[in-house]
Each structure stands twice: as C-alpha cells, then as structure tokens.
C-alpha cells in the first residue's frame, strides 16, 4: 500500500504522484471517516496546482473536501480519535452479528466466486469490467434510522450488482444529521451510479434528500 508522502513535497511532480497513489485506495487520509489529518492535507494543498488527469485521486479528494464548511471541518476529531471511534463502531456491530460464525466461510466462498469470475472474464465469458462505487446517502432529517436504511439497501439484488460492501459508515453532516456511506461492486455494462441511485430512490425516496458519489474506482 502506498505511503503518505511528505506534505512539503506536494509542489513537486514526484510528491504529487506519491500523494495520488496514496489517495487511490481511500476517501480520507486516516481511513473511512474524516479527521483533522484531512484538514492538514487541504491546507498543504493550498496554492499547489493539481492536474485533473495526472492526479485524479487528489482532485477527487479536494472536490469532496469542498463539500464541507469550515465549521464542519473544525469539528472533525483527531486521526486517532476517529480510528478509535470506527473500531468501537465495528465492535458494536459485532455484538449484533447473528451470523458471525459464518463469516470465514462466506468470505472464502466470495473469494472463490471472484476468482472464478476473473477466470471467466479472461476466457471472454464474464460480465465485463467492474467498478467499486461508494455512495453518500443524505437523509432529510436526523430522525431517519440510517442503520435500518443500510440493511434495506443491501437487500437489493440486480444482475449488475456483484455485491454490496460488508461495511458501511455514518458520517457527520451538521445539526445532528449524518449521512450513510455505502459501497457496491458493479458490472460496468449492467449497472452504474445512476442505476444504483434509482434503485435506492425508488424505495426510499421519501427519506432521502440526496445521493452523491464519494468515490469510484476500477476493480
């Protein structure tokens, strides 16, 4: 996995290239939730020219950061606190995992399925290229139970959806409102961002204010 480059080197092609590689596999500097490390990176990039083509992942990060106000950014925790919070949330999720004993078997079956699909694609018999799409689903108000919403979304089945991500996250927005970050691996020829959004809005449109793309990459 790429390492976070020295922030003082971002005005050089090499430094920007390292940062682009670092951000290629993540939405935030220290994991799945925003922290003060993201704020530091935004400040370090001020005045630095970011090429949309050569540093697409950095450009995507900055675009996402611009969706937040200064007051929202100042409320983000330090990186260690964010990681601890994420770990606590995962531990809490485990308490309600009724099928935890089957995790290893399920992961093994999924790995075998993915390997078979990869071999089939090489033989020209697969469903084509795949993409990992991370969506941010924002509700109208803080009363919406995002955990229930996430479970409902993950029940959607479609030939263009290979699988929904096992994990999902609740990200702070403002005034007590949070948004749901949820991912899916899709077959490009059969499903895309619009298709996923349509599926969600068709059933939960009354609860949702907006659906945005947090990240998208080939797998």
Protein backbone atom coordinates (compact mmCIF):
# COMPACT_ATOMS: atom_id res chain seq x y z
CA UNK A 1 0.00 0.00 0.00
CA UNK A 2 1.30 3.48 -0.86
CA UNK A 3 2.65 5.63 1.98
CA UNK A 4 1.62 9.19 2.77
CA UNK A 5 4.28 11.49 1.26
CA UNK A 6 5.96 14.42 3.00
CA UNK A 7 3.49 17.32 2.76
CA UNK A 8 6.34 19.70 1.95
CA UNK A 9 6.96 17.81 -1.31
CA UNK A 10 3.47 18.27 -2.78
CA UNK A 11 4.60 21.07 -5.09
CA UNK A 12 6.84 18.60 -6.94
CA UNK A 13 5.70 16.06 -9.57
CA UNK A 14 7.14 13.21 -7.50
CA UNK A 15 5.42 14.35 -4.32
CA UNK A 16 2.09 14.83 -6.07
CA UNK A 17 2.44 11.42 -7.70
CA UNK A 18 3.03 9.75 -4.34
CA UNK A 19 0.02 11.53 -2.84
CA UNK A 20 -2.17 10.48 -5.79
CA UNK A 21 -1.12 6.87 -5.27
CA UNK A 22 -1.78 7.16 -1.54
CA UNK A 23 -5.31 8.53 -2.09
CA UNK A 24 -6.17 5.99 -4.81
CA UNK A 25 -7.38 3.45 -2.24
CA UNK A 26 -9.07 5.73 0.29
CA UNK A 27 -11.55 8.56 0.69
CA UNK A 28 -9.91 10.13 3.73
CA UNK A 29 -6.30 10.33 4.92
CA UNK A 30 -6.78 8.18 8.02
CA UNK A 31 -9.49 5.78 6.93
CA UNK A 32 -13.19 5.86 6.20
CA UNK A 33 -14.09 8.87 8.34
CA UNK A 34 -12.87 12.50 8.13
CA UNK A 35 -10.36 13.80 10.66
CA UNK A 36 -8.00 16.71 11.25
CA UNK A 37 -5.48 14.89 9.05
CA UNK A 38 -7.72 15.72 6.08
CA UNK A 39 -7.80 19.37 7.14
CA UNK A 40 -3.99 19.42 7.29
CA UNK A 41 -3.76 17.96 3.79
CA UNK A 42 -6.23 20.50 2.38
CA UNK A 43 -4.15 23.33 3.85
CA UNK A 44 -0.95 21.79 2.48
CA UNK A 45 -2.50 21.72 -0.99
CA UNK A 46 -3.44 25.40 -0.94
CA UNK A 47 -1.62 27.11 -3.79
CA UNK A 48 -0.49 23.78 -5.27
CA UNK A 49 -1.64 23.09 -8.83
CA UNK A 50 -3.49 19.76 -9.06
CA UNK A 51 -3.68 18.25 -12.55
CA UNK A 52 -7.13 16.67 -13.01
CA UNK A 53 -5.66 13.90 -15.19
CA UNK A 54 -2.31 13.17 -13.57
CA UNK A 55 -3.64 13.47 -10.01
CA UNK A 56 -7.27 12.41 -10.38
CA UNK A 57 -7.50 10.92 -6.87
CA UNK A 58 -6.15 14.08 -5.27
CA UNK A 59 -8.59 16.18 -7.31
CA UNK A 60 -11.45 13.95 -6.19
CA UNK A 61 -10.34 14.34 -2.56
CA UNK A 62 -10.29 18.15 -2.83
CA UNK A 63 -13.70 18.23 -4.50
CA UNK A 64 -15.11 16.14 -1.67
CA UNK A 65 -13.48 18.35 0.97
CA UNK A 66 -15.03 21.44 -0.61
CA UNK A 67 -18.47 19.98 0.14
CA UNK A 68 -17.83 20.67 3.84
CA UNK A 69 -17.87 24.07 5.51
CA UNK A 70 -15.04 25.37 7.69
CA UNK A 71 -17.15 24.83 10.82
CA UNK A 72 -17.80 21.21 9.86
CA UNK A 73 -14.11 20.58 9.27
CA UNK A 74 -13.13 22.14 12.60
CA UNK A 75 -15.48 19.70 14.37
CA UNK A 76 -13.72 16.62 12.96
CA UNK A 77 -11.72 14.62 15.51
CA UNK A 78 -8.01 13.96 15.51
CA UNK A 79 -6.99 10.92 13.47
CA UNK A 80 -6.51 8.67 16.50
CA UNK A 81 -9.94 9.51 17.89
CA UNK A 82 -11.59 8.86 14.52
CA UNK A 83 -9.92 5.48 14.24
CA UNK A 84 -10.93 4.58 17.80
CA UNK A 85 -14.49 5.57 17.06
CA UNK A 86 -14.52 3.44 13.93
CA UNK A 87 -13.11 0.48 15.85
CA UNK A 88 -15.74 0.90 18.57
CA UNK A 89 -18.48 1.03 15.96
CA UNK A 90 -17.19 -2.18 14.34
CA UNK A 91 -17.07 -3.83 17.77
CA UNK A 92 -20.67 -2.77 18.43
CA UNK A 93 -21.68 -4.16 15.06
CA UNK A 94 -20.13 -7.50 16.02
CA UNK A 95 -22.42 -7.68 19.05
CA UNK A 96 -25.39 -7.84 16.71
CA UNK A 97 -23.86 -10.17 14.12
CA UNK A 98 -26.11 -13.22 14.29
CA UNK A 99 -24.12 -14.94 11.58
CA UNK A 100 -20.60 -14.14 12.78
CA UNK A 101 -19.59 -17.80 12.83
CA UNK A 102 -20.22 -18.00 9.10
CA UNK A 103 -18.01 -15.02 8.22
CA UNK A 104 -14.94 -17.06 7.28
CA UNK A 105 -16.94 -19.45 5.13
CA UNK A 106 -18.77 -16.58 3.45
CA UNK A 107 -15.51 -14.74 2.75
CA UNK A 108 -13.95 -17.91 1.37
CA UNK A 109 -16.96 -18.52 -0.88
CA UNK A 110 -16.84 -14.90 -2.09
CA UNK A 111 -13.11 -15.17 -2.83
CA UNK A 112 -13.70 -18.38 -4.81
CA UNK A 113 -16.56 -16.74 -6.71
CA UNK A 114 -14.45 -13.69 -7.58
CA UNK A 115 -11.58 -15.93 -8.74
CA UNK A 116 -13.98 -17.89 -10.95
CA UNK A 117 -15.41 -14.69 -12.41
CA UNK A 118 -11.91 -13.38 -13.12
CA UNK A 119 -11.01 -16.59 -14.94
CA UNK A 120 -14.28 -16.46 -16.89
CA UNK A 121 -13.63 -12.88 -17.99
CA UNK A 122 -10.19 -13.85 -19.24
CA UNK A 123 -11.87 -16.55 -21.28
CA UNK A 124 -14.30 -14.00 -22.69
CA UNK A 125 -17.29 -15.41 -20.83
CA UNK A 126 -17.66 -12.94 -17.94
CA UNK A 127 -19.87 -9.91 -17.43
CA UNK A 128 -17.12 -7.42 -18.24
CA UNK A 129 -15.21 -4.89 -16.19
CA UNK A 130 -16.22 -4.00 -12.64
CA UNK A 131 -16.16 -0.82 -10.57
CA UNK A 132 -16.28 -0.11 -6.86
CA UNK A 133 -18.75 2.70 -6.20
CA UNK A 134 -19.07 4.41 -2.81
CA UNK A 135 -22.28 6.42 -2.43
CA UNK A 136 -23.17 9.01 0.19
CA UNK A 137 -26.88 8.92 1.01
CA UNK A 138 -28.09 12.01 2.88
CA UNK A 139 -31.49 11.87 4.65
CA UNK A 140 -33.89 14.77 5.08
CA UNK A 141 -33.55 14.82 8.86
CA UNK A 142 -31.84 13.26 11.86
CA UNK A 143 -34.85 11.06 12.61
CA UNK A 144 -34.07 8.67 9.75
CA UNK A 145 -32.56 5.41 11.03
CA UNK A 146 -29.56 5.02 8.73
CA UNK A 147 -28.70 1.58 10.07
CA UNK A 148 -32.11 0.29 9.01
CA UNK A 149 -31.72 2.10 5.68
CA UNK A 150 -28.32 0.46 5.09
CA UNK A 151 -29.70 -3.01 5.77
CA UNK A 152 -32.57 -2.37 3.38
CA UNK A 153 -30.29 -1.14 0.59
CA UNK A 154 -28.02 -4.18 0.92
CA UNK A 155 -31.02 -6.41 0.19
CA UNK A 156 -31.32 -5.02 -3.34
CA UNK A 157 -30.41 -7.61 -5.94
CA UNK A 158 -29.65 -6.97 -9.60
CA UNK A 159 -27.63 -8.82 -12.22
CA UNK A 160 -25.41 -5.73 -12.49
CA UNK A 161 -24.54 -5.77 -8.76
CA UNK A 162 -21.83 -8.25 -7.85
CA UNK A 163 -22.08 -7.48 -4.13
CA UNK A 164 -22.69 -4.74 -1.58
CA UNK A 165 -19.86 -3.84 0.77
CA UNK A 166 -19.91 -5.66 4.07
CA UNK A 167 -19.26 -2.45 5.98
CA UNK A 168 -20.96 0.92 5.86
CA UNK A 169 -20.30 4.15 7.75
CA UNK A 170 -22.33 7.02 9.19
CA UNK A 171 -20.63 10.36 8.52
CA UNK A 172 -21.47 13.65 10.30
CA UNK A 173 -23.04 16.42 8.22
CA UNK A 174 -24.44 19.15 10.50
CA UNK A 175 -27.09 19.84 13.17
CA UNK A 176 -27.13 16.23 14.29
CA UNK A 177 -27.73 14.90 10.78
CA UNK A 178 -25.49 12.14 9.47
CA UNK A 179 -25.20 10.61 6.03
CA UNK A 180 -24.71 6.99 5.03
CA UNK A 181 -21.59 5.92 3.12
CA UNK A 182 -22.27 2.59 1.41
CA UNK A 183 -20.37 0.75 -1.32
CA UNK A 184 -21.10 -1.76 -4.06
CA UNK A 185 -19.09 -3.61 -6.70
CA UNK A 186 -20.94 -3.46 -10.01
CA UNK A 187 -20.51 -4.76 -13.56
CA UNK A 188 -19.97 -1.66 -15.67
CA UNK A 189 -22.02 -2.87 -18.63
CA UNK A 190 -25.05 -3.60 -16.45
CA UNK A 191 -25.04 -1.09 -13.61
CA UNK A 192 -23.67 2.35 -12.77
CA UNK A 193 -24.13 5.26 -10.41
CA UNK A 194 -27.49 6.27 -11.91
CA UNK A 195 -28.80 2.73 -11.70
CA UNK A 196 -27.83 2.35 -8.03
CA UNK A 197 -29.35 5.75 -7.24
CA UNK A 198 -32.59 4.82 -9.00
CA UNK A 199 -32.87 1.57 -7.01
CA UNK A 200 -32.42 3.42 -3.73
CA UNK A 201 -34.72 6.33 -4.58
CA UNK A 202 -37.46 4.06 -5.88
CA UNK A 203 -37.93 2.51 -2.45
CA UNK A 204 -36.58 5.15 -0.07
CA UNK A 205 -37.11 8.40 -1.99
CA UNK A 206 -39.34 9.83 0.72
CA UNK A 207 -36.49 9.60 3.24
CA UNK A 208 -33.59 10.76 1.10
CA UNK A 209 -32.51 14.30 0.32
CA UNK A 210 -29.61 13.44 -1.98
CA UNK A 211 -27.31 10.69 -3.24
CA UNK A 212 -23.74 11.63 -4.18
CA UNK A 213 -20.67 9.73 -5.32
CA UNK A 214 -17.92 9.68 -2.71
CA UNK A 215 -15.50 7.53 -4.71
CA UNK A 216 -15.38 5.31 -7.78
CA UNK A 217 -12.58 3.05 -9.00
CA UNK A 218 -11.97 0.01 -11.19
CA UNK A 219 -11.53 -3.38 -9.51
